[in-house]
Amino acid sequence: MVQQRIIKDRIVSDGIQRDRLGYPLSEIKPVFPEDYDGWFPFTRLCFSLGDWAVISGLPGALKSKYPKLKFALPSKNYLKTTVGNVIGQWGYGSNDPLDYIDYIFKNNPHIDYRFEVGDFDSIFTDHERAYTDDLNIPLVEQILLRFGFTQEELKNIDSRPNLFFDQDEIPNPEFKKEYGCLLFATRIDKLKGKWDDKYLLEEARKYKDTPVYYYSEFELKDTEWDEIFPIRYNFADRNLNLRQQMIIKSRAKFNIGYQAGINDAISRFSNNIVLTPYNDIKENIIRGVNYIHLNGIKNKI
């Protein structure tokens, strides 16, 4: 992999192949003064729903140390203009990847501006991160370490994914009491067909007979999931976009299923129990999420 940044609205690379993106924490020098009041234009260089979700706590976390900092994200037009020829690879189903940034950051009070082409000479990206020997440090924390936070400071802030909903977005589910959500759909090939994972079913039985909303690439009828959760409401029948689904999922008692961006997005609000195919989840790991590996090992940081 190569380190990339954006200069004059063009992605440029240093051309050096490396094992990890970013810089060793031991080599990091101060970037901003303590009273920094300038702009922080930022974008990811990969564009799935989950890619935006895992850094959605970044603006608020940065402002906890630099309260005068002004945080800017790209507009949809900026993304279409600069990466429109490649962004389609991050799509899923009929969803347009250009919409993902708005699904995640709508109403976020820490976003000060959505920039256009020509607004900034240089734009920070998620490649600006600091790493240690520990592979499993959330990406937001790596970025914060790059921009002056100490490891001790990170213990005192909550930089997990965050969403902000307004009154007009409050859902009206069919049931008002406790409910859960299931997800058996993914862009990760190694997870496809793993719906009957015995370790995931073991966790699910703890919530037996709870009504659930679900989305699945396979039919649940006559499976063990049918027996555990007989009262089900299929997202596919409800004509809801991903933002609307996230609202419902964020209010669920639990979210059980595959590791996926939509589950990452709401992980702050619900008990997330997700099946992952990765031995090391690396920078996509999220604090508080219950990860189940295919070999049955359970992990939570």
Protein backbone atom coordinates (compact mmCIF):
# COMPACT_ATOMS: atom_id res chain seq x y z
CA MET A 1 0.00 0.00 0.00
CA VAL A 2 1.10 3.58 -0.59
CA GLN A 3 0.57 6.77 1.39
CA GLN A 4 -1.79 9.16 -0.41
CA ARG A 5 -2.96 12.72 0.15
CA ILE A 6 -4.95 15.33 -1.73
CA ILE A 7 -3.20 18.38 -3.15
CA LYS A 8 -5.03 20.83 -5.41
CA ASP A 9 -7.96 18.38 -5.53
CA ARG A 10 -5.79 15.60 -6.94
CA ILE A 11 -4.88 12.39 -5.15
CA VAL A 12 -1.09 12.12 -5.05
CA SER A 13 1.11 9.33 -3.75
CA ASP A 14 4.63 9.22 -2.38
CA GLY A 15 5.14 6.02 -4.41
CA ILE A 16 6.64 4.11 -1.48
CA GLN A 17 5.25 0.66 -0.78
CA ARG A 18 4.69 0.05 2.94
CA ASP A 19 3.06 -2.48 5.23
CA ARG A 20 0.94 0.06 7.12
CA LEU A 21 -0.51 3.44 6.29
CA GLY A 22 0.48 6.41 8.41
CA TYR A 23 3.48 7.02 10.64
CA PRO A 24 4.92 5.38 13.77
CA LEU A 25 3.57 7.13 16.84
CA SER A 26 7.11 7.61 18.12
CA GLU A 27 7.88 9.84 15.10
CA ILE A 28 4.85 12.12 15.39
CA LYS A 29 5.56 15.81 15.90
CA PRO A 30 2.98 18.46 16.97
CA VAL A 31 0.79 19.58 14.08
CA PHE A 32 -1.49 22.21 15.60
CA PRO A 33 -1.05 24.73 18.44
CA GLU A 34 -3.33 24.15 21.43
CA ASP A 35 -5.52 27.12 20.44
CA TYR A 36 -5.78 26.11 16.77
CA ASP A 37 -8.74 27.89 15.16
CA GLY A 38 -8.20 27.03 11.50
CA TRP A 39 -9.83 24.66 9.06
CA PHE A 40 -9.59 20.88 9.08
CA PRO A 41 -10.77 19.76 5.61
CA PHE A 42 -10.97 15.97 5.60
CA THR A 43 -12.06 13.08 3.44
CA ARG A 44 -11.73 9.35 3.37
CA LEU A 45 -10.06 7.69 0.41
CA CYS A 46 -12.43 4.73 0.46
CA PHE A 47 -16.14 5.33 0.33
CA SER A 48 -18.43 2.58 1.62
CA LEU A 49 -21.11 3.30 4.20
CA GLY A 50 -18.92 1.67 6.83
CA ASP A 51 -15.85 3.65 5.76
CA TRP A 52 -17.70 6.87 6.60
CA ALA A 53 -19.36 5.37 9.66
CA VAL A 54 -16.18 4.36 11.47
CA ILE A 55 -14.84 7.94 11.34
CA SER A 56 -18.13 9.66 12.17
CA GLY A 57 -16.94 10.34 15.73
CA LEU A 58 -13.87 12.20 14.46
CA PRO A 59 -15.25 15.76 14.18
CA GLY A 60 -16.57 15.85 17.74
CA ALA A 61 -13.46 14.17 19.13
CA LEU A 62 -11.14 16.66 17.43
CA LYS A 63 -13.12 19.56 18.82
CA SER A 64 -12.77 18.20 22.34
CA LYS A 65 -9.08 19.20 22.13
CA TYR A 66 -9.35 22.01 19.57
CA PRO A 67 -12.73 23.64 20.27
CA LYS A 68 -12.14 26.45 17.76
CA LEU A 69 -11.22 24.08 14.93
CA LYS A 70 -13.52 24.21 11.89
CA PHE A 71 -14.22 20.79 10.41
CA ALA A 72 -15.07 20.40 6.72
CA LEU A 73 -16.16 17.37 4.72
CA PRO A 74 -16.48 17.00 0.93
CA SER A 75 -19.78 17.76 -0.74
CA LYS A 76 -21.38 15.10 -2.90
CA ASN A 77 -20.45 17.23 -5.89
CA TYR A 78 -16.80 17.23 -4.80
CA LEU A 79 -16.78 13.43 -4.56
CA LYS A 80 -18.53 13.06 -7.89
CA THR A 81 -16.05 15.40 -9.56
CA THR A 82 -12.87 13.97 -8.07
CA VAL A 83 -13.56 10.25 -7.56
CA GLY A 84 -16.78 9.70 -9.51
CA ASN A 85 -15.03 7.32 -11.90
CA VAL A 86 -14.12 4.86 -9.13
CA ILE A 87 -16.64 5.37 -6.32
CA GLY A 88 -19.11 2.89 -7.81
CA GLN A 89 -17.05 -0.03 -6.51
CA TRP A 90 -18.27 0.81 -3.00
CA GLY A 91 -21.92 0.41 -3.91
CA TYR A 92 -24.22 -2.29 -2.57
CA GLY A 93 -27.44 -3.26 -4.30
CA SER A 94 -29.23 -0.18 -5.63
CA ASN A 95 -27.57 2.19 -3.15
CA ASP A 96 -25.56 5.10 -4.56
CA PRO A 97 -22.20 5.45 -2.73
CA LEU A 98 -22.41 9.23 -3.20
CA ASP A 99 -25.31 9.21 -0.70
CA TYR A 100 -23.41 7.47 2.09
CA ILE A 101 -21.67 10.55 3.45
CA ASP A 102 -25.04 12.27 3.92
CA TYR A 103 -26.62 9.21 5.52
CA ILE A 104 -23.84 9.24 8.13
CA PHE A 105 -23.24 12.96 8.72
CA LYS A 106 -26.70 14.47 8.38
CA ASN A 107 -27.44 16.79 11.35
CA ASN A 108 -23.92 16.37 12.76
CA PRO A 109 -23.38 19.61 14.71
CA HIS A 110 -19.59 19.33 14.45
CA ILE A 111 -19.52 19.75 10.65
CA ASP A 112 -18.89 23.39 9.75
CA TYR A 113 -18.72 23.20 5.96
CA ARG A 114 -18.99 20.90 2.95
CA PHE A 115 -16.18 21.85 0.61
CA GLU A 116 -16.12 22.07 -3.18
CA VAL A 117 -13.35 21.83 -5.75
CA GLY A 118 -10.94 24.73 -5.30
CA ASP A 119 -11.82 25.53 -1.69
CA PHE A 120 -8.62 24.14 -0.14
CA ASP A 121 -5.11 23.63 -1.49
CA SER A 122 -4.54 20.61 0.75
CA ILE A 123 -7.04 18.18 2.28
CA PHE A 124 -6.37 15.76 5.13
CA THR A 125 -7.27 12.12 4.52
CA ASP A 126 -7.61 8.97 6.60
CA HIS A 127 -4.05 8.06 5.55
CA GLU A 128 -2.93 10.66 8.09
CA ARG A 129 -2.76 8.31 11.06
CA ALA A 130 -0.29 7.19 13.71
CA TYR A 131 0.21 3.55 14.56
CA THR A 132 1.74 1.45 17.33
CA ASP A 133 2.55 -2.26 17.57
CA ASP A 134 -1.13 -2.93 18.33
CA LEU A 135 -2.93 -3.64 15.05
CA ASN A 136 -6.39 -3.37 16.60
CA ILE A 137 -6.69 0.34 17.33
CA PRO A 138 -9.77 2.10 15.89
CA LEU A 139 -9.03 4.29 12.89
CA VAL A 140 -10.38 7.44 14.55
CA GLU A 141 -7.98 6.97 17.44
CA GLN A 142 -5.08 6.53 15.03
CA ILE A 143 -6.04 9.79 13.30
CA LEU A 144 -6.37 11.59 16.62
CA LEU A 145 -2.91 10.38 17.66
CA ARG A 146 -1.57 11.80 14.39
CA PHE A 147 -3.01 15.22 15.23
CA GLY A 148 -1.71 15.72 18.72
CA PHE A 149 -3.79 13.57 21.05
CA THR A 150 -1.99 11.44 23.59
CA GLN A 151 -2.91 7.86 24.38
CA GLU A 152 -3.93 9.04 27.84
CA GLU A 153 -6.29 11.65 26.36
CA LEU A 154 -7.96 9.01 24.22
CA LYS A 155 -9.04 7.18 27.38
CA ASN A 156 -11.18 10.17 28.37
CA ILE A 157 -13.12 10.78 25.14
CA ASP A 158 -15.69 8.77 23.25
CA SER A 159 -14.74 8.69 19.58
CA ARG A 160 -16.98 5.81 18.54
CA PRO A 161 -19.24 6.17 15.49
CA ASN A 162 -21.97 8.73 16.08
CA LEU A 163 -25.23 9.67 14.37
CA PHE A 164 -27.54 12.60 14.94
CA PHE A 165 -31.27 12.34 14.24
CA ASP A 166 -33.85 15.12 14.25
CA GLN A 167 -37.50 14.97 15.32
CA ASP A 168 -38.72 14.47 11.75
CA GLU A 169 -36.70 11.26 11.52
CA ILE A 170 -38.08 9.47 14.56
CA PRO A 171 -39.44 6.15 13.25
CA ASN A 172 -42.78 4.62 14.09
CA PRO A 173 -42.12 0.88 14.26
CA GLU A 174 -44.96 -1.60 14.48
CA PHE A 175 -43.97 -2.44 18.04
CA LYS A 176 -43.21 0.14 20.71
CA LYS A 177 -41.51 -2.12 23.22
CA GLU A 178 -38.16 -3.84 23.03
CA TYR A 179 -37.07 -5.20 19.67
CA GLY A 180 -33.88 -6.28 17.99
CA CYS A 181 -32.38 -6.33 14.51
CA LEU A 182 -30.76 -9.01 12.38
CA LEU A 183 -28.50 -8.53 9.37
CA PHE A 184 -27.36 -11.25 6.99
CA ALA A 185 -26.09 -9.22 4.05
CA THR A 186 -22.53 -8.13 3.38
CA ARG A 187 -19.96 -7.00 0.84
CA ILE A 188 -17.42 -9.31 2.53
CA ASP A 189 -17.19 -12.52 0.49
CA LYS A 190 -15.81 -14.58 3.39
CA LEU A 191 -19.02 -13.99 5.35
CA LYS A 192 -21.49 -15.00 2.67
CA GLY A 193 -23.27 -18.22 3.59
CA LYS A 194 -22.21 -18.09 7.24
CA TRP A 195 -25.73 -17.36 8.50
CA ASP A 196 -25.86 -20.66 10.43
CA ASP A 197 -22.68 -19.98 12.42
CA LYS A 198 -23.20 -21.85 15.68
CA TYR A 199 -21.47 -19.22 17.80
CA LEU A 200 -23.71 -16.45 16.46
CA LEU A 201 -26.79 -18.59 17.04
CA GLU A 202 -25.62 -19.20 20.59
CA GLU A 203 -25.68 -15.46 21.28
CA ALA A 204 -29.00 -15.02 19.51
CA ARG A 205 -30.75 -17.56 21.74
CA LYS A 206 -30.24 -15.19 24.66
CA TYR A 207 -32.88 -12.96 23.04
CA LYS A 208 -35.29 -15.70 21.93
CA ASP A 209 -38.81 -14.53 20.97
CA THR A 210 -37.87 -10.84 20.83
CA PRO A 211 -39.53 -9.17 17.81
CA VAL A 212 -36.94 -8.24 15.18
CA TYR A 213 -36.46 -6.13 12.11
CA TYR A 214 -34.20 -7.90 9.66
CA TYR A 215 -32.53 -7.82 6.29
CA SER A 216 -31.23 -11.04 4.82
CA GLU A 217 -29.82 -12.36 1.56
CA PHE A 218 -31.41 -15.74 2.32
CA GLU A 219 -34.86 -16.87 3.47
CA LEU A 220 -35.14 -17.20 7.26
CA LYS A 221 -38.22 -19.41 7.20
CA ASP A 222 -37.56 -22.97 8.40
CA THR A 223 -34.08 -22.09 9.68
CA GLU A 224 -32.95 -21.86 13.31
CA TRP A 225 -33.41 -18.09 13.06
CA ASP A 226 -37.08 -18.70 12.31
CA GLU A 227 -37.39 -20.72 15.51
CA ILE A 228 -35.51 -18.16 17.65
CA PHE A 229 -37.26 -15.06 16.24
CA PRO A 230 -40.75 -15.99 14.98
CA ILE A 231 -41.96 -12.35 14.97
CA ARG A 232 -40.09 -10.61 12.15
CA TYR A 233 -40.41 -7.47 10.05
CA ASN A 234 -38.45 -7.43 6.79
CA PHE A 235 -36.71 -4.15 5.95
CA ALA A 236 -36.97 -5.13 2.29
CA ASP A 237 -40.77 -4.78 2.48
CA ARG A 238 -40.72 -1.28 3.95
CA ASN A 239 -39.21 0.97 1.28
CA LEU A 240 -36.76 2.51 3.75
CA ASN A 241 -33.44 4.03 2.73
CA LEU A 242 -30.30 3.22 4.69
CA ARG A 243 -30.62 6.31 6.88
CA GLN A 244 -34.15 5.32 7.89
CA GLN A 245 -33.02 1.77 8.62
CA MET A 246 -30.20 3.10 10.80
CA ILE A 247 -32.70 5.06 12.88
CA ILE A 248 -34.64 1.89 13.66
CA LYS A 249 -31.47 -0.14 14.23
CA SER A 250 -30.07 2.50 16.58
CA ARG A 251 -33.07 2.08 18.89
CA ALA A 252 -32.89 -1.71 18.95
CA LYS A 253 -31.97 -3.65 22.07
CA PHE A 254 -29.48 -5.64 20.00
CA ASN A 255 -28.09 -5.91 16.48
CA ILE A 256 -26.96 -9.40 15.55
CA GLY A 257 -25.46 -10.44 12.23
CA TYR A 258 -22.57 -9.98 9.86
CA GLN A 259 -19.88 -7.34 10.21
CA ALA A 260 -21.18 -4.56 7.97
CA GLY A 261 -21.08 -0.80 7.68
CA ILE A 262 -24.67 -0.25 8.74
CA ASN A 263 -24.02 -2.14 11.99
CA ASP A 264 -20.82 -0.16 12.54
CA ALA A 265 -22.77 3.06 12.14
CA ILE A 266 -25.17 2.38 15.02
CA SER A 267 -22.77 0.55 17.33
CA ARG A 268 -22.75 3.36 19.90
CA PHE A 269 -26.47 2.94 20.56
CA SER A 270 -27.11 -0.80 20.59
CA ASN A 271 -25.62 -4.07 21.80
CA ASN A 272 -23.83 -5.13 18.63
CA ILE A 273 -22.94 -8.80 18.21
CA VAL A 274 -21.29 -9.30 14.84
CA LEU A 275 -19.63 -12.16 13.01
CA THR A 276 -16.27 -11.23 11.48
CA PRO A 277 -14.04 -13.25 9.14
CA TYR A 278 -10.89 -11.41 10.19
CA ASN A 279 -8.39 -12.63 12.77
CA ASP A 280 -7.33 -9.01 13.24
CA ILE A 281 -10.07 -6.45 12.57
CA LYS A 282 -7.38 -3.76 12.54
CA GLU A 283 -8.45 -0.13 12.10
CA ASN A 284 -12.10 -1.02 11.51
CA ILE A 285 -12.48 -2.32 15.06
CA ILE A 286 -14.95 -0.38 17.24
CA ARG A 287 -14.88 -0.18 21.01
CA GLY A 288 -17.77 -1.89 22.73
CA VAL A 289 -18.74 -4.16 19.83
CA ASN A 290 -18.90 -7.90 20.54
CA TYR A 291 -17.00 -9.60 17.72
CA ILE A 292 -17.35 -13.32 17.06
CA HIS A 293 -14.67 -14.88 14.88
CA LEU A 294 -15.38 -17.84 12.64
CA ASN A 295 -13.33 -20.08 14.96
CA GLY A 296 -15.56 -19.15 17.91
CA ILE A 297 -13.16 -16.74 19.60
CA LYS A 298 -14.97 -13.69 21.01
CA ASN A 299 -13.35 -10.29 21.16
CA LYS A 300 -14.31 -6.91 22.58
CA ILE A 301 -12.16 -3.87 23.27
